């Protein structure tokens, strides 16, 4: 599984995803992209985007997108 860690997520979380390909936003070349642009850039390349933004569901129209949003 390909996992992308957002800028606000510690890069040390990578070690908890053993057996998966994990990159930070910076490593993927997406540094500085805001949520909408980041979702577009990551779409099709990553299966999971880990972020801490709790307002994403209100900022982006996720119901009409291919992205699945899960908050924990």
PDB file of N, CA and C in Angstrom:
ATOM      1  N   UNK A   1       0.848  -1.167   0.000  1.00  0.00           N
ATOM      2  CA  UNK A   1       0.000   0.000   0.000  1.00  0.00           C
ATOM      3  C   UNK A   1       0.897   1.235   0.000  1.00  0.00           C
ATOM      4  N   UNK A   2       0.540   2.216  -0.804  1.00  0.00           N
ATOM      5  CA  UNK A   2       1.279   3.480  -0.847  1.00  0.00           C
ATOM      6  C   UNK A   2       0.599   4.492   0.064  1.00  0.00           C
ATOM      7  N   UNK A   3       1.376   5.042   0.995  1.00  0.00           N
ATOM      8  CA  UNK A   3       0.863   5.952   2.013  1.00  0.00           C
ATOM      9  C   UNK A   3       1.597   7.284   1.899  1.00  0.00           C
ATOM     10  N   UNK A   4       0.858   8.380   1.992  1.00  0.00           N
ATOM     11  CA  UNK A   4       1.430   9.724   1.967  1.00  0.00           C
ATOM     12  C   UNK A   4       1.133  10.408   3.292  1.00  0.00           C
ATOM     13  N   UNK A   5       2.169  10.933   3.939  1.00  0.00           N
ATOM     14  CA  UNK A   5       2.016  11.645   5.209  1.00  0.00           C
ATOM     15  C   UNK A   5       2.021  13.144   4.957  1.00  0.00           C
ATOM     16  N   UNK A   6       1.000  13.829   5.399  1.00  0.00           N
ATOM     17  CA  UNK A   6       0.882  15.277   5.241  1.00  0.00           C
ATOM     18  C   UNK A   6       1.974  15.986   6.043  1.00  0.00           C
ATOM     19  N   UNK A   7       2.189  17.252   5.731  1.00  0.00           N
ATOM     20  CA  UNK A   7       3.238  18.039   6.383  1.00  0.00           C
ATOM     21  C   UNK A   7       3.061  18.164   7.891  1.00  0.00           C
ATOM     22  N   UNK A   8       1.835  18.146   8.368  1.00  0.00           N
ATOM     23  CA  UNK A   8       1.580  18.297   9.805  1.00  0.00           C
ATOM     24  C   UNK A   8       1.724  16.991  10.581  1.00  0.00           C
ATOM     25  N   UNK A   9       1.966  15.908   9.872  1.00  0.00           N
ATOM     26  CA  UNK A   9       2.125  14.600  10.509  1.00  0.00           C
ATOM     27  C   UNK A   9       3.623  14.331  10.647  1.00  0.00           C
ATOM     28  N   UNK A  10       4.043  13.893  11.814  1.00  0.00           N
ATOM     29  CA  UNK A  10       5.461  13.632  12.028  1.00  0.00           C
ATOM     30  C   UNK A  10       5.986  12.542  11.091  1.00  0.00           C
ATOM     31  N   UNK A  11       7.138  12.777  10.540  1.00  0.00           N
ATOM     32  CA  UNK A  11       7.733  11.799   9.628  1.00  0.00           C
ATOM     33  C   UNK A  11       8.110  10.512  10.340  1.00  0.00           C
ATOM     34  N   UNK A  12       8.211  10.564  11.645  1.00  0.00           N
ATOM     35  CA  UNK A  12       8.557   9.379  12.426  1.00  0.00           C
ATOM     36  C   UNK A  12       7.443   8.325  12.395  1.00  0.00           C
ATOM     37  N   UNK A  13       6.267   8.722  11.963  1.00  0.00           N
ATOM     38  CA  UNK A  13       5.162   7.783  11.830  1.00  0.00           C
ATOM     39  C   UNK A  13       5.444   6.747  10.729  1.00  0.00           C
ATOM     40  N   UNK A  14       6.360   7.074   9.833  1.00  0.00           N
ATOM     41  CA  UNK A  14       6.705   6.164   8.741  1.00  0.00           C
ATOM     42  C   UNK A  14       7.084   4.783   9.257  1.00  0.00           C
ATOM     43  N   UNK A  15       7.793   4.727  10.364  1.00  0.00           N
ATOM     44  CA  UNK A  15       8.275   3.436  10.872  1.00  0.00           C
ATOM     45  C   UNK A  15       7.139   2.544  11.366  1.00  0.00           C
ATOM     46  N   UNK A  16       5.974   3.112  11.618  1.00  0.00           N
ATOM     47  CA  UNK A  16       4.825   2.326  12.057  1.00  0.00           C
ATOM     48  C   UNK A  16       4.086   1.648  10.903  1.00  0.00           C
ATOM     49  N   UNK A  17       4.428   1.993   9.689  1.00  0.00           N
ATOM     50  CA  UNK A  17       3.798   1.416   8.501  1.00  0.00           C
ATOM     51  C   UNK A  17       4.724   0.399   7.845  1.00  0.00           C
ATOM     52  N   UNK A  18       5.224  -0.541   8.603  1.00  0.00           N
ATOM     53  CA  UNK A  18       6.137  -1.535   8.052  1.00  0.00           C
ATOM     54  C   UNK A  18       5.421  -2.356   6.976  1.00  0.00           C
ATOM     55  N   UNK A  19       6.158  -2.641   5.929  1.00  0.00           N
ATOM     56  CA  UNK A  19       5.602  -3.408   4.823  1.00  0.00           C
ATOM     57  C   UNK A  19       4.859  -2.575   3.808  1.00  0.00           C
ATOM     58  N   UNK A  20       4.848  -1.254   3.989  1.00  0.00           N
ATOM     59  CA  UNK A  20       4.157  -0.351   3.063  1.00  0.00           C
ATOM     60  C   UNK A  20       5.133   0.699   2.545  1.00  0.00           C
ATOM     61  N   UNK A  21       4.842   1.233   1.392  1.00  0.00           N
ATOM     62  CA  UNK A  21       5.641   2.322   0.836  1.00  0.00           C
ATOM     63  C   UNK A  21       5.092   3.628   1.378  1.00  0.00           C
ATOM     64  N   UNK A  22       5.889   4.314   2.186  1.00  0.00           N
ATOM     65  CA  UNK A  22       5.431   5.532   2.862  1.00  0.00           C
ATOM     66  C   UNK A  22       6.362   6.688   2.521  1.00  0.00           C
ATOM     67  N   UNK A  23       5.778   7.778   2.063  1.00  0.00           N
ATOM     68  CA  UNK A  23       6.526   8.997   1.773  1.00  0.00           C
ATOM     69  C   UNK A  23       5.873  10.166   2.493  1.00  0.00           C
ATOM     70  N   UNK A  24       6.689  11.158   2.811  1.00  0.00           N
ATOM     71  CA  UNK A  24       6.140  12.406   3.334  1.00  0.00           C
ATOM     72  C   UNK A  24       5.766  13.277   2.140  1.00  0.00           C
ATOM     73  N   UNK A  25       4.954  14.287   2.383  1.00  0.00           N
ATOM     74  CA  UNK A  25       4.568  15.219   1.327  1.00  0.00           C
ATOM     75  C   UNK A  25       5.820  15.842   0.703  1.00  0.00           C
ATOM     76  N   UNK A  26       6.783  16.177   1.526  1.00  0.00           N
ATOM     77  CA  UNK A  26       8.024  16.769   1.017  1.00  0.00           C
ATOM     78  C   UNK A  26       8.782  15.789   0.128  1.00  0.00           C
ATOM     79  N   UNK A  27       8.900  14.542   0.562  1.00  0.00           N
ATOM     80  CA  UNK A  27       9.603  13.537  -0.234  1.00  0.00           C
ATOM     81  C   UNK A  27       8.917  13.286  -1.575  1.00  0.00           C
ATOM     82  N   UNK A  28       7.592  13.428  -1.588  1.00  0.00           N
ATOM     83  CA  UNK A  28       6.822  13.208  -2.812  1.00  0.00           C
ATOM     84  C   UNK A  28       6.843  14.413  -3.746  1.00  0.00           C
ATOM     85  N   UNK A  29       7.396  15.533  -3.278  1.00  0.00           N
ATOM     86  CA  UNK A  29       7.453  16.736  -4.095  1.00  0.00           C
ATOM     87  C   UNK A  29       6.198  17.584  -4.027  1.00  0.00           C
ATOM     88  N   UNK A  30       5.380  17.373  -2.998  1.00  0.00           N
ATOM     89  CA  UNK A  30       4.120  18.097  -2.853  1.00  0.00           C
ATOM     90  C   UNK A  30       4.165  19.153  -1.762  1.00  0.00           C
ATOM     91  N   UNK A  31       5.324  19.495  -1.292  1.00  0.00           N
ATOM     92  CA  UNK A  31       5.458  20.454  -0.190  1.00  0.00           C
ATOM     93  C   UNK A  31       4.777  21.778  -0.526  1.00  0.00           C
ATOM     94  N   UNK A  32       3.997  22.282   0.419  1.00  0.00           N
ATOM     95  CA  UNK A  32       3.351  23.584   0.252  1.00  0.00           C
ATOM     96  C   UNK A  32       1.988  23.534  -0.406  1.00  0.00           C
ATOM     97  N   UNK A  33       1.578  22.383  -0.927  1.00  0.00           N
ATOM     98  CA  UNK A  33       0.260  22.292  -1.556  1.00  0.00           C
ATOM     99  C   UNK A  33      -0.828  22.302  -0.487  1.00  0.00           C
ATOM    100  N   UNK A  34      -1.860  23.066  -0.727  1.00  0.00           N
ATOM    101  CA  UNK A  34      -3.006  23.099   0.180  1.00  0.00           C
ATOM    102  C   UNK A  34      -3.863  21.862  -0.064  1.00  0.00           C
ATOM    103  N   UNK A  35      -4.823  21.612   0.818  1.00  0.00           N
ATOM    104  CA  UNK A  35      -5.579  20.361   0.811  1.00  0.00           C
ATOM    105  C   UNK A  35      -6.170  19.965  -0.537  1.00  0.00           C
ATOM    106  N   UNK A  36      -6.863  20.871  -1.209  1.00  0.00           N
ATOM    107  CA  UNK A  36      -7.479  20.542  -2.493  1.00  0.00           C
ATOM    108  C   UNK A  36      -6.453  20.133  -3.527  1.00  0.00           C
ATOM    109  N   UNK A  37      -5.408  20.919  -3.648  1.00  0.00           N
ATOM    110  CA  UNK A  37      -4.330  20.614  -4.601  1.00  0.00           C
ATOM    111  C   UNK A  37      -3.590  19.341  -4.206  1.00  0.00           C
ATOM    112  N   UNK A  38      -3.409  19.151  -2.913  1.00  0.00           N
ATOM    113  CA  UNK A  38      -2.725  17.945  -2.429  1.00  0.00           C
ATOM    114  C   UNK A  38      -3.544  16.702  -2.750  1.00  0.00           C
ATOM    115  N   UNK A  39      -4.850  16.756  -2.542  1.00  0.00           N
ATOM    116  CA  UNK A  39      -5.709  15.627  -2.888  1.00  0.00           C
ATOM    117  C   UNK A  39      -5.633  15.306  -4.373  1.00  0.00           C
ATOM    118  N   UNK A  40      -5.618  16.338  -5.204  1.00  0.00           N
ATOM    119  CA  UNK A  40      -5.513  16.127  -6.649  1.00  0.00           C
ATOM    120  C   UNK A  40      -4.172  15.511  -7.021  1.00  0.00           C
ATOM    121  N   UNK A  41      -3.102  16.029  -6.446  1.00  0.00           N
ATOM    122  CA  UNK A  41      -1.758  15.541  -6.773  1.00  0.00           C
ATOM    123  C   UNK A  41      -1.560  14.099  -6.319  1.00  0.00           C
ATOM    124  N   UNK A  42      -2.116  13.758  -5.169  1.00  0.00           N
ATOM    125  CA  UNK A  42      -1.936  12.415  -4.615  1.00  0.00           C
ATOM    126  C   UNK A  42      -2.880  11.388  -5.239  1.00  0.00           C
ATOM    127  N   UNK A  43      -3.962  11.860  -5.824  1.00  0.00           N
ATOM    128  CA  UNK A  43      -4.970  10.970  -6.392  1.00  0.00           C
ATOM    129  C   UNK A  43      -4.360  10.082  -7.478  1.00  0.00           C
ATOM    130  N   UNK A  44      -4.601   8.794  -7.355  1.00  0.00           N
ATOM    131  CA  UNK A  44      -4.081   7.850  -8.336  1.00  0.00           C
ATOM    132  C   UNK A  44      -2.671   7.382  -8.044  1.00  0.00           C
ATOM    133  N   UNK A  45      -1.960   8.101  -7.184  1.00  0.00           N
ATOM    134  CA  UNK A  45      -0.589   7.720  -6.841  1.00  0.00           C
ATOM    135  C   UNK A  45      -0.493   7.072  -5.469  1.00  0.00           C
ATOM    136  N   UNK A  46      -1.381   7.486  -4.571  1.00  0.00           N
ATOM    137  CA  UNK A  46      -1.348   7.001  -3.187  1.00  0.00           C
ATOM    138  C   UNK A  46      -2.715   6.463  -2.818  1.00  0.00           C
ATOM    139  N   UNK A  47      -2.716   5.410  -2.021  1.00  0.00           N
ATOM    140  CA  UNK A  47      -3.969   4.814  -1.585  1.00  0.00           C
ATOM    141  C   UNK A  47      -4.469   5.442  -0.284  1.00  0.00           C
ATOM    142  N   UNK A  48      -3.526   5.990   0.512  1.00  0.00           N
ATOM    143  CA  UNK A  48      -3.873   6.572   1.806  1.00  0.00           C
ATOM    144  C   UNK A  48      -3.147   7.900   1.978  1.00  0.00           C
ATOM    145  N   UNK A  49      -3.861   8.905   2.439  1.00  0.00           N
ATOM    146  CA  UNK A  49      -3.276  10.188   2.806  1.00  0.00           C
ATOM    147  C   UNK A  49      -3.558  10.388   4.286  1.00  0.00           C
ATOM    148  N   UNK A  50      -2.507  10.454   5.087  1.00  0.00           N
ATOM    149  CA  UNK A  50      -2.651  10.633   6.527  1.00  0.00           C
ATOM    150  C   UNK A  50      -2.462  12.116   6.836  1.00  0.00           C
ATOM    151  N   UNK A  51      -3.488  12.709   7.438  1.00  0.00           N
ATOM    152  CA  UNK A  51      -3.418  14.126   7.792  1.00  0.00           C
ATOM    153  C   UNK A  51      -4.138  14.349   9.107  1.00  0.00           C
ATOM    154  N   UNK A  52      -3.920  15.500   9.699  1.00  0.00           N
ATOM    155  CA  UNK A  52      -4.549  15.816  10.978  1.00  0.00           C
ATOM    156  C   UNK A  52      -5.607  16.910  10.846  1.00  0.00           C
ATOM    157  N   UNK A  53      -5.864  17.368   9.644  1.00  0.00           N
ATOM    158  CA  UNK A  53      -6.838  18.437   9.406  1.00  0.00           C
ATOM    159  C   UNK A  53      -8.246  17.928   9.690  1.00  0.00           C
ATOM    160  N   UNK A  54      -8.856  18.401  10.759  1.00  0.00           N
ATOM    161  CA  UNK A  54     -10.183  17.934  11.141  1.00  0.00           C
ATOM    162  C   UNK A  54     -11.300  18.667  10.409  1.00  0.00           C
ATOM    163  N   UNK A  55     -10.965  19.672   9.622  1.00  0.00           N
ATOM    164  CA  UNK A  55     -11.982  20.423   8.890  1.00  0.00           C
ATOM    165  C   UNK A  55     -12.038  20.072   7.413  1.00  0.00           C
ATOM    166  N   UNK A  56     -11.298  19.078   7.010  1.00  0.00           N
ATOM    167  CA  UNK A  56     -11.222  18.718   5.596  1.00  0.00           C
ATOM    168  C   UNK A  56     -12.602  18.441   5.005  1.00  0.00           C
ATOM    169  N   UNK A  57     -13.441  17.762   5.741  1.00  0.00           N
ATOM    170  CA  UNK A  57     -14.761  17.432   5.217  1.00  0.00           C
ATOM    171  C   UNK A  57     -15.605  18.673   4.941  1.00  0.00           C
ATOM    172  N   UNK A  58     -15.288  19.791   5.582  1.00  0.00           N
ATOM    173  CA  UNK A  58     -16.020  21.040   5.369  1.00  0.00           C
ATOM    174  C   UNK A  58     -15.349  21.927   4.322  1.00  0.00           C
ATOM    175  N   UNK A  59     -14.055  21.692   4.071  1.00  0.00           N
ATOM    176  CA  UNK A  59     -13.298  22.505   3.129  1.00  0.00           C
ATOM    177  C   UNK A  59     -13.334  21.950   1.714  1.00  0.00           C
ATOM    178  N   UNK A  60     -13.500  20.640   1.589  1.00  0.00           N
ATOM    179  CA  UNK A  60     -13.465  19.988   0.285  1.00  0.00           C
ATOM    180  C   UNK A  60     -14.777  19.241   0.064  1.00  0.00           C
ATOM    181  N   UNK A  61     -15.211  19.170  -1.170  1.00  0.00           N
ATOM    182  CA  UNK A  61     -16.422  18.427  -1.505  1.00  0.00           C
ATOM    183  C   UNK A  61     -16.039  16.960  -1.716  1.00  0.00           C
ATOM    184  N   UNK A  62     -15.948  16.205  -0.649  1.00  0.00           N
ATOM    185  CA  UNK A  62     -15.497  14.825  -0.721  1.00  0.00           C
ATOM    186  C   UNK A  62     -16.595  13.867  -1.171  1.00  0.00           C
ATOM    187  N   UNK A  63     -17.840  14.294  -1.113  1.00  0.00           N
ATOM    188  CA  UNK A  63     -18.939  13.417  -1.527  1.00  0.00           C
ATOM    189  C   UNK A  63     -18.938  13.177  -3.024  1.00  0.00           C
ATOM    190  N   UNK A  64     -18.483  14.143  -3.802  1.00  0.00           N
ATOM    191  CA  UNK A  64     -18.469  13.979  -5.255  1.00  0.00           C
ATOM    192  C   UNK A  64     -17.097  13.572  -5.771  1.00  0.00           C
ATOM    193  N   UNK A  65     -16.143  13.404  -4.882  1.00  0.00           N
ATOM    194  CA  UNK A  65     -14.802  13.011  -5.323  1.00  0.00           C
ATOM    195  C   UNK A  65     -14.623  11.511  -5.172  1.00  0.00           C
ATOM    196  N   UNK A  66     -13.525  11.019  -5.710  1.00  0.00           N
ATOM    197  CA  UNK A  66     -13.198   9.596  -5.596  1.00  0.00           C
ATOM    198  C   UNK A  66     -12.580   9.294  -4.241  1.00  0.00           C
ATOM    199  N   UNK A  67     -12.287  10.296  -3.460  1.00  0.00           N
ATOM    200  CA  UNK A  67     -11.606  10.107  -2.192  1.00  0.00           C
ATOM    201  C   UNK A  67     -12.575   9.700  -1.099  1.00  0.00           C
ATOM    202  N   UNK A  68     -12.103   8.837  -0.265  1.00  0.00           N
ATOM    203  CA  UNK A  68     -12.892   8.399   0.882  1.00  0.00           C
ATOM    204  C   UNK A  68     -12.311   9.062   2.110  1.00  0.00           C
ATOM    205  N   UNK A  69     -13.148   9.658   2.904  1.00  0.00           N
ATOM    206  CA  UNK A  69     -12.704  10.396   4.073  1.00  0.00           C
ATOM    207  C   UNK A  69     -13.096   9.638   5.328  1.00  0.00           C
ATOM    208  N   UNK A  70     -12.116   9.391   6.174  1.00  0.00           N
ATOM    209  CA  UNK A  70     -12.374   8.756   7.458  1.00  0.00           C
ATOM    210  C   UNK A  70     -11.693   9.576   8.538  1.00  0.00           C
ATOM    211  N   UNK A  71     -12.436   9.928   9.555  1.00  0.00           N
ATOM    212  CA  UNK A  71     -11.891  10.711  10.660  1.00  0.00           C
ATOM    213  C   UNK A  71     -11.865   9.837  11.903  1.00  0.00           C
ATOM    214  N   UNK A  72     -10.727   9.908  12.607  1.00  0.00           N
ATOM    215  CA  UNK A  72     -10.663   9.147  13.856  1.00  0.00           C
ATOM    216  C   UNK A  72     -10.207  10.024  14.982  1.00  0.00           C
TER     217      UNK A  72
END
